[in-house]
Amino acid sequence: AILQRRIGTRTLVADDVASGDGDNSGGSVTQADAGWTVTGPCHQVENCILSPNFPEKYGSKQTCEITVPAGNTKRLYAPSFATEYHHDYLKVNDRKYSGSSSSPAGVTPTGTITWSADYSLNNAGWQICLGEAAPASAPTLGSVSPSSAPTPVSVSPSSA
């Protein structure tokens, strides 16, 4: 049996602690990195980090620090990226990304990613994810819309 318990930003994984043979001495315990560490108003949803209030406009004078998992070899993809050009930026590997035509998609991040918004003109923000991009048909956060209710169909009994 595998047991998992989240402790802070780490997940404790216990594999086969009780083997069922009565001695409870088998198995191993390891710690697995839970992923990103986020400081500030940005937030994490699964393998993605979102700007504050995403998909709505982020606020003025906001900053975040996002620490990438140690030894990361995965690239970023950006399902959504829209900031105030040259003023509100996401800094990845010492390069600043801003506007809507420049995103860190395809970059393998190391160290800390920083977000900084100035005092004016806020935009919709961003969503960056670590790993493989979702298929083009998969909805991104903010693009999901309610579906229409099914159209009722009337069925008349057939005459035999």
Protein backbone atom coordinates (compact mmCIF):
# COMPACT_ATOMS: atom_id res chain seq x y z
CA ALA A 1 0.00 0.00 0.00
CA ILE A 2 1.20 3.53 -0.72
CA LEU A 3 0.39 6.28 1.75
CA GLN A 4 0.92 9.99 1.04
CA ARG A 5 0.84 12.91 3.43
CA ARG A 6 1.52 16.52 2.48
CA ILE A 7 3.78 18.37 4.90
CA GLY A 8 4.35 22.00 3.89
CA THR A 9 5.65 22.02 0.33
CA ARG A 10 6.73 18.39 0.42
CA THR A 11 4.88 15.12 0.19
CA LEU A 12 5.88 12.25 2.43
CA VAL A 13 5.44 8.95 0.62
CA ALA A 14 5.40 5.66 2.50
CA ASP A 15 5.49 2.54 0.34
CA ASP A 16 4.24 -0.72 1.83
CA VAL A 17 4.90 0.28 5.45
CA ALA A 18 2.66 -2.50 6.69
CA SER A 19 3.28 -5.56 4.54
CA GLY A 20 0.38 -7.49 6.02
CA ASP A 21 2.57 -10.26 7.43
CA GLY A 22 2.32 -8.96 10.98
CA ASP A 23 5.86 -7.62 11.45
CA ASN A 24 5.28 -4.10 9.97
CA SER A 25 9.02 -3.82 9.29
CA GLY A 26 8.96 -3.85 5.47
CA GLY A 27 8.75 -0.96 3.06
CA SER A 28 10.57 2.31 2.55
CA VAL A 29 9.91 5.99 3.21
CA THR A 30 11.06 8.74 0.82
CA GLN A 31 10.34 12.44 0.39
CA ALA A 32 9.21 13.66 -3.03
CA ASP A 33 9.30 17.33 -4.00
CA ALA A 34 5.75 18.67 -4.35
CA GLY A 35 6.82 21.20 -7.01
CA TRP A 36 6.77 24.97 -7.05
CA THR A 37 7.12 27.21 -4.01
CA VAL A 38 5.10 30.41 -4.38
CA THR A 39 5.47 33.56 -2.26
CA GLY A 40 3.05 36.46 -2.74
CA PRO A 41 -0.44 36.72 -4.27
CA CYS A 42 0.26 34.39 -7.24
CA HIS A 43 -1.22 30.92 -6.83
CA GLN A 44 -0.70 27.36 -7.96
CA VAL A 45 -3.24 25.10 -9.67
CA GLU A 46 -1.75 21.64 -10.30
CA ASN A 47 1.41 22.13 -12.41
CA CYS A 48 0.58 25.77 -13.25
CA ILE A 49 1.16 29.13 -11.59
CA LEU A 50 -1.33 31.94 -12.16
CA SER A 51 -0.97 35.67 -11.75
CA PRO A 52 -3.04 37.20 -8.94
CA ASN A 53 -6.79 37.15 -9.68
CA PHE A 54 -6.30 35.29 -13.02
CA PRO A 55 -8.23 35.21 -15.38
CA GLU A 56 -9.41 38.63 -14.17
CA LYS A 57 -7.05 41.63 -14.09
CA TYR A 58 -4.21 41.53 -11.58
CA GLY A 59 -3.73 44.41 -9.14
CA SER A 60 -1.23 47.26 -9.01
CA LYS A 61 2.08 47.07 -7.16
CA GLN A 62 2.05 43.28 -6.83
CA THR A 63 5.07 41.00 -6.67
CA CYS A 64 5.53 37.23 -6.43
CA GLU A 65 8.46 34.87 -6.18
CA ILE A 66 8.13 31.38 -7.62
CA THR A 67 10.84 28.84 -6.88
CA VAL A 68 11.21 26.13 -9.49
CA PRO A 69 11.66 22.53 -8.28
CA ALA A 70 15.36 21.71 -7.77
CA GLY A 71 16.91 19.97 -10.78
CA ASN A 72 14.03 20.91 -13.07
CA THR A 73 14.48 19.85 -16.71
CA LYS A 74 10.93 20.59 -17.90
CA ARG A 75 10.03 23.55 -20.11
CA LEU A 76 7.35 26.13 -19.48
CA TYR A 77 4.28 26.52 -21.59
CA ALA A 78 1.99 29.53 -21.32
CA PRO A 79 -1.69 28.93 -22.13
CA SER A 80 -2.32 32.61 -21.41
CA PHE A 81 0.01 35.64 -21.18
CA ALA A 82 -1.09 39.30 -21.23
CA THR A 83 0.65 42.00 -19.16
CA GLU A 84 1.29 45.73 -19.54
CA TYR A 85 4.13 45.94 -22.07
CA HIS A 86 7.49 46.96 -20.53
CA HIS A 87 5.97 47.75 -17.12
CA ASP A 88 4.48 44.54 -15.68
CA TYR A 89 6.75 41.58 -16.26
CA LEU A 90 7.55 37.99 -15.45
CA LYS A 91 11.28 37.42 -15.09
CA VAL A 92 12.54 33.91 -15.95
CA ASN A 93 16.26 33.04 -16.01
CA ASP A 94 17.13 36.79 -15.83
CA ARG A 95 14.99 37.66 -18.89
CA LYS A 96 11.88 39.85 -18.58
CA TYR A 97 8.68 38.90 -20.45
CA SER A 98 5.82 41.38 -20.88
CA GLY A 99 2.98 42.30 -23.22
CA SER A 100 0.97 39.69 -25.07
CA SER A 101 3.38 38.66 -27.83
CA SER A 102 6.27 37.67 -25.55
CA SER A 103 5.95 34.80 -23.08
CA PRO A 104 8.41 32.38 -21.47
CA ALA A 105 6.94 29.42 -23.38
CA GLY A 106 9.65 26.91 -24.27
CA VAL A 107 12.08 28.14 -21.59
CA THR A 108 13.47 25.66 -19.03
CA PRO A 109 13.37 27.69 -15.81
CA THR A 110 16.00 27.46 -13.09
CA GLY A 111 16.10 29.21 -9.74
CA THR A 112 13.44 31.80 -9.00
CA ILE A 113 10.82 33.30 -11.31
CA THR A 114 9.64 36.78 -10.28
CA TRP A 115 6.45 38.69 -11.08
CA SER A 116 6.25 42.46 -10.78
CA ALA A 117 3.35 44.81 -11.60
CA ASP A 118 3.74 48.58 -11.46
CA TYR A 119 1.22 51.16 -10.23
CA SER A 120 -1.02 51.46 -13.33
CA LEU A 121 -2.70 49.75 -16.30
CA ASN A 122 -3.38 46.18 -15.25
CA ASN A 123 -4.13 43.41 -17.73
CA ALA A 124 -5.64 39.89 -17.68
CA GLY A 125 -2.40 38.34 -16.42
CA TRP A 126 -0.83 35.00 -17.11
CA GLN A 127 -0.83 31.28 -16.59
CA ILE A 128 2.46 29.40 -16.89
CA CYS A 129 2.77 25.64 -16.56
CA LEU A 130 5.65 23.23 -16.17
CA GLY A 131 5.79 20.18 -18.43
CA GLU A 132 4.14 19.18 -21.65
CA ALA A 133 1.58 21.54 -23.18
CA ALA A 134 -2.02 20.41 -23.05
CA PRO A 135 -3.59 19.37 -26.36
CA ALA A 136 -4.99 22.29 -28.38
CA SER A 137 -8.53 21.06 -27.75
CA ALA A 138 -8.12 21.12 -23.96
CA PRO A 139 -9.61 24.20 -22.28
CA THR A 140 -7.34 26.48 -20.30
CA LEU A 141 -8.34 28.19 -17.08
CA GLY A 142 -10.46 31.16 -18.01
CA SER A 143 -11.66 29.71 -21.31
CA VAL A 144 -14.13 27.24 -19.87
CA SER A 145 -17.72 28.30 -20.50
CA PRO A 146 -20.91 26.68 -19.29
CA SER A 147 -22.40 24.24 -21.75
CA SER A 148 -25.92 24.57 -23.06
CA ALA A 149 -28.61 22.38 -21.62
CA PRO A 150 -29.53 19.42 -23.81
CA THR A 151 -32.47 19.92 -26.13
CA PRO A 152 -35.42 17.77 -25.07
CA VAL A 153 -36.52 15.18 -27.62
CA SER A 154 -40.05 13.91 -27.70
CA VAL A 155 -40.55 10.30 -28.67
CA SER A 156 -43.92 9.06 -29.81
CA PRO A 157 -44.81 5.39 -29.49
CA SER A 158 -44.62 3.51 -32.73
CA SER A 159 -47.72 1.85 -34.01
CA ALA A 160 -47.40 -1.86 -34.56
